[in-house]
Amino acid sequence: MTLQITIPDNPSDTHRDAILAPLRAYNISQAGDPHVRPMAILLTDDDGNDVGGVWGKIGYDWLFVEFLVVPEQYRGKRLGTTLMQEAEKIARANHCIGIWLDTFEFQARSFYEKLGFEVFGSIEDHPMGFSRFFLRKRF
């Protein structure tokens, strides 16, 4: 059997799944099933609208925080801290050994460091002129 390299003009979820399936199978064969599951903590306004919060996923004993958003008009009220404290409670309740995340230089590195996170890696000029930081907090 021969293989060809193709580059779709509009990559789809089907393409992603075709790439991810053999990778997942390999990872499971090496490290076991990660039991990946989503995690969300929402900020909901008085009208019942979800306006921010934390989105992440738990897998291989860590919580990855993909997004943390507190809209500007609600900042300065310790909501970000409260959200991250709740995320840590969820991580611990799910037997995680830590939380990891990434943030851009112009976002919230110092906020996370105040919560006990440490930088374990970075990428310069991502985006150009800024750095992207990877942080973790091990329990």
Protein backbone atom coordinates (compact mmCIF):
# COMPACT_ATOMS: atom_id res chain seq x y z
CA MET A 1 0.00 0.00 0.00
CA THR A 2 1.27 3.45 -0.84
CA LEU A 3 0.32 6.67 0.89
CA GLN A 4 -0.03 10.12 -0.54
CA ILE A 5 0.22 13.46 1.20
CA THR A 6 -2.86 15.61 0.69
CA ILE A 7 -3.58 19.10 2.00
CA PRO A 8 -7.27 19.95 2.30
CA ASP A 9 -8.35 23.50 1.50
CA ASN A 10 -10.79 23.48 4.40
CA PRO A 11 -9.70 21.07 7.13
CA SER A 12 -12.69 19.59 8.94
CA ASP A 13 -13.42 17.74 12.15
CA THR A 14 -13.38 14.55 10.08
CA HIS A 15 -9.78 15.30 9.05
CA ARG A 16 -8.84 16.06 12.66
CA ASP A 17 -10.43 12.81 13.83
CA ALA A 18 -8.56 10.81 11.16
CA ILE A 19 -5.27 12.21 12.47
CA LEU A 20 -6.19 11.92 16.13
CA ALA A 21 -7.50 8.31 16.10
CA PRO A 22 -4.13 6.55 15.61
CA LEU A 23 -2.45 8.96 18.03
CA ARG A 24 -5.04 8.22 20.72
CA ALA A 25 -4.68 4.48 20.12
CA TYR A 26 -0.91 4.71 20.50
CA ASN A 27 -1.11 6.87 23.63
CA ILE A 28 -3.58 4.47 25.23
CA SER A 29 -1.32 1.52 24.40
CA GLN A 30 1.58 3.27 26.12
CA ALA A 31 0.03 5.18 29.06
CA GLY A 32 -3.51 3.86 29.40
CA ASP A 33 -6.80 5.61 28.77
CA PRO A 34 -6.53 9.28 29.80
CA HIS A 35 -10.27 9.43 30.53
CA VAL A 36 -10.40 12.95 29.06
CA ARG A 37 -13.47 14.85 30.16
CA PRO A 38 -14.43 18.51 29.88
CA MET A 39 -14.65 20.89 32.83
CA ALA A 40 -16.51 24.21 32.92
CA ILE A 41 -17.22 26.81 35.57
CA LEU A 42 -19.47 29.61 34.35
CA LEU A 43 -19.94 33.25 35.27
CA THR A 44 -23.65 33.95 34.83
CA ASP A 45 -25.17 37.44 34.95
CA ASP A 46 -28.48 38.48 36.57
CA ASP A 47 -30.33 37.77 33.31
CA GLY A 48 -29.08 34.18 33.23
CA ASN A 49 -26.54 34.81 30.46
CA ASP A 50 -23.22 33.00 30.64
CA VAL A 51 -20.63 35.77 30.21
CA GLY A 52 -17.33 34.10 31.09
CA GLY A 53 -15.70 31.49 33.25
CA VAL A 54 -13.22 28.64 32.98
CA TRP A 55 -13.11 25.92 30.33
CA GLY A 56 -10.72 23.02 30.48
CA LYS A 57 -10.29 19.29 30.37
CA ILE A 58 -9.07 16.64 32.73
CA GLY A 59 -6.86 13.86 31.43
CA TYR A 60 -3.83 11.87 32.51
CA ASP A 61 -4.13 13.15 36.09
CA TRP A 62 -3.91 16.86 35.21
CA LEU A 63 -6.44 19.61 34.61
CA PHE A 64 -5.61 21.71 31.55
CA VAL A 65 -7.21 25.16 31.72
CA GLU A 66 -7.81 26.12 28.11
CA PHE A 67 -9.69 29.37 28.75
CA LEU A 68 -10.24 31.70 31.70
CA VAL A 69 -12.32 34.78 30.94
CA VAL A 70 -13.64 37.49 33.22
CA PRO A 71 -15.20 40.27 31.12
CA GLU A 72 -13.59 43.67 31.71
CA GLN A 73 -16.63 45.17 33.44
CA TYR A 74 -16.44 42.45 36.12
CA ARG A 75 -12.69 42.56 36.78
CA GLY A 76 -11.22 43.64 40.11
CA LYS A 77 -13.77 41.64 42.12
CA ARG A 78 -11.57 38.54 42.64
CA LEU A 79 -13.73 36.53 40.24
CA GLY A 80 -10.68 35.17 38.43
CA THR A 81 -9.21 33.99 41.73
CA THR A 82 -12.52 32.43 42.75
CA LEU A 83 -12.83 30.65 39.39
CA MET A 84 -9.32 29.23 39.68
CA GLN A 85 -9.95 28.13 43.28
CA GLU A 86 -13.06 26.28 42.08
CA ALA A 87 -11.05 24.73 39.23
CA GLU A 88 -8.49 23.52 41.75
CA LYS A 89 -11.24 21.99 43.89
CA ILE A 90 -12.55 20.14 40.84
CA ALA A 91 -9.05 18.98 39.90
CA ARG A 92 -8.37 17.68 43.39
CA ALA A 93 -11.79 15.98 43.56
CA ASN A 94 -10.88 14.20 40.32
CA HIS A 95 -7.56 13.02 41.78
CA CYS A 96 -5.46 15.30 39.59
CA ILE A 97 -1.89 16.01 40.63
CA GLY A 98 -1.89 19.51 39.18
CA ILE A 99 -3.19 22.15 36.80
CA TRP A 100 -1.45 23.48 33.71
CA LEU A 101 -2.29 26.30 31.30
CA ASP A 102 -0.79 28.84 28.96
CA THR A 103 -1.06 32.60 28.77
CA PHE A 104 0.33 35.34 26.56
CA GLU A 105 2.68 38.02 27.89
CA PHE A 106 -0.09 40.62 27.54
CA GLN A 107 -2.55 38.50 29.53
CA ALA A 108 -2.26 37.13 33.05
CA ARG A 109 1.12 35.57 33.88
CA SER A 110 1.50 37.47 37.18
CA PHE A 111 -2.08 36.59 38.15
CA TYR A 112 -1.34 32.88 37.84
CA GLU A 113 2.00 33.21 39.63
CA LYS A 114 0.21 34.84 42.58
CA LEU A 115 -1.97 31.72 42.70
CA GLY A 116 1.11 29.49 43.00
CA PHE A 117 1.73 28.62 39.35
CA GLU A 118 5.26 28.47 37.95
CA VAL A 119 6.51 28.93 34.40
CA PHE A 120 7.83 25.70 32.89
CA GLY A 121 8.28 26.90 29.33
CA SER A 122 7.83 29.77 26.91
CA ILE A 123 7.80 30.64 23.23
CA GLU A 124 9.20 33.99 22.13
CA ASP A 125 7.53 36.01 19.36
CA HIS A 126 4.18 34.24 19.68
CA PRO A 127 2.60 36.53 18.63
CA MET A 128 5.46 38.60 17.22
CA GLY A 129 6.86 40.92 19.86
CA PHE A 130 5.34 38.94 22.74
CA SER A 131 5.96 35.67 24.53
CA ARG A 132 3.62 32.84 25.38
CA PHE A 133 4.13 31.20 28.77
CA PHE A 134 3.26 27.71 29.96
CA LEU A 135 2.55 27.43 33.68
CA ARG A 136 1.79 24.63 36.10
CA LYS A 137 0.74 24.19 39.68
CA ARG A 138 1.48 20.81 41.15
CA PHE A 139 -0.48 19.82 44.26
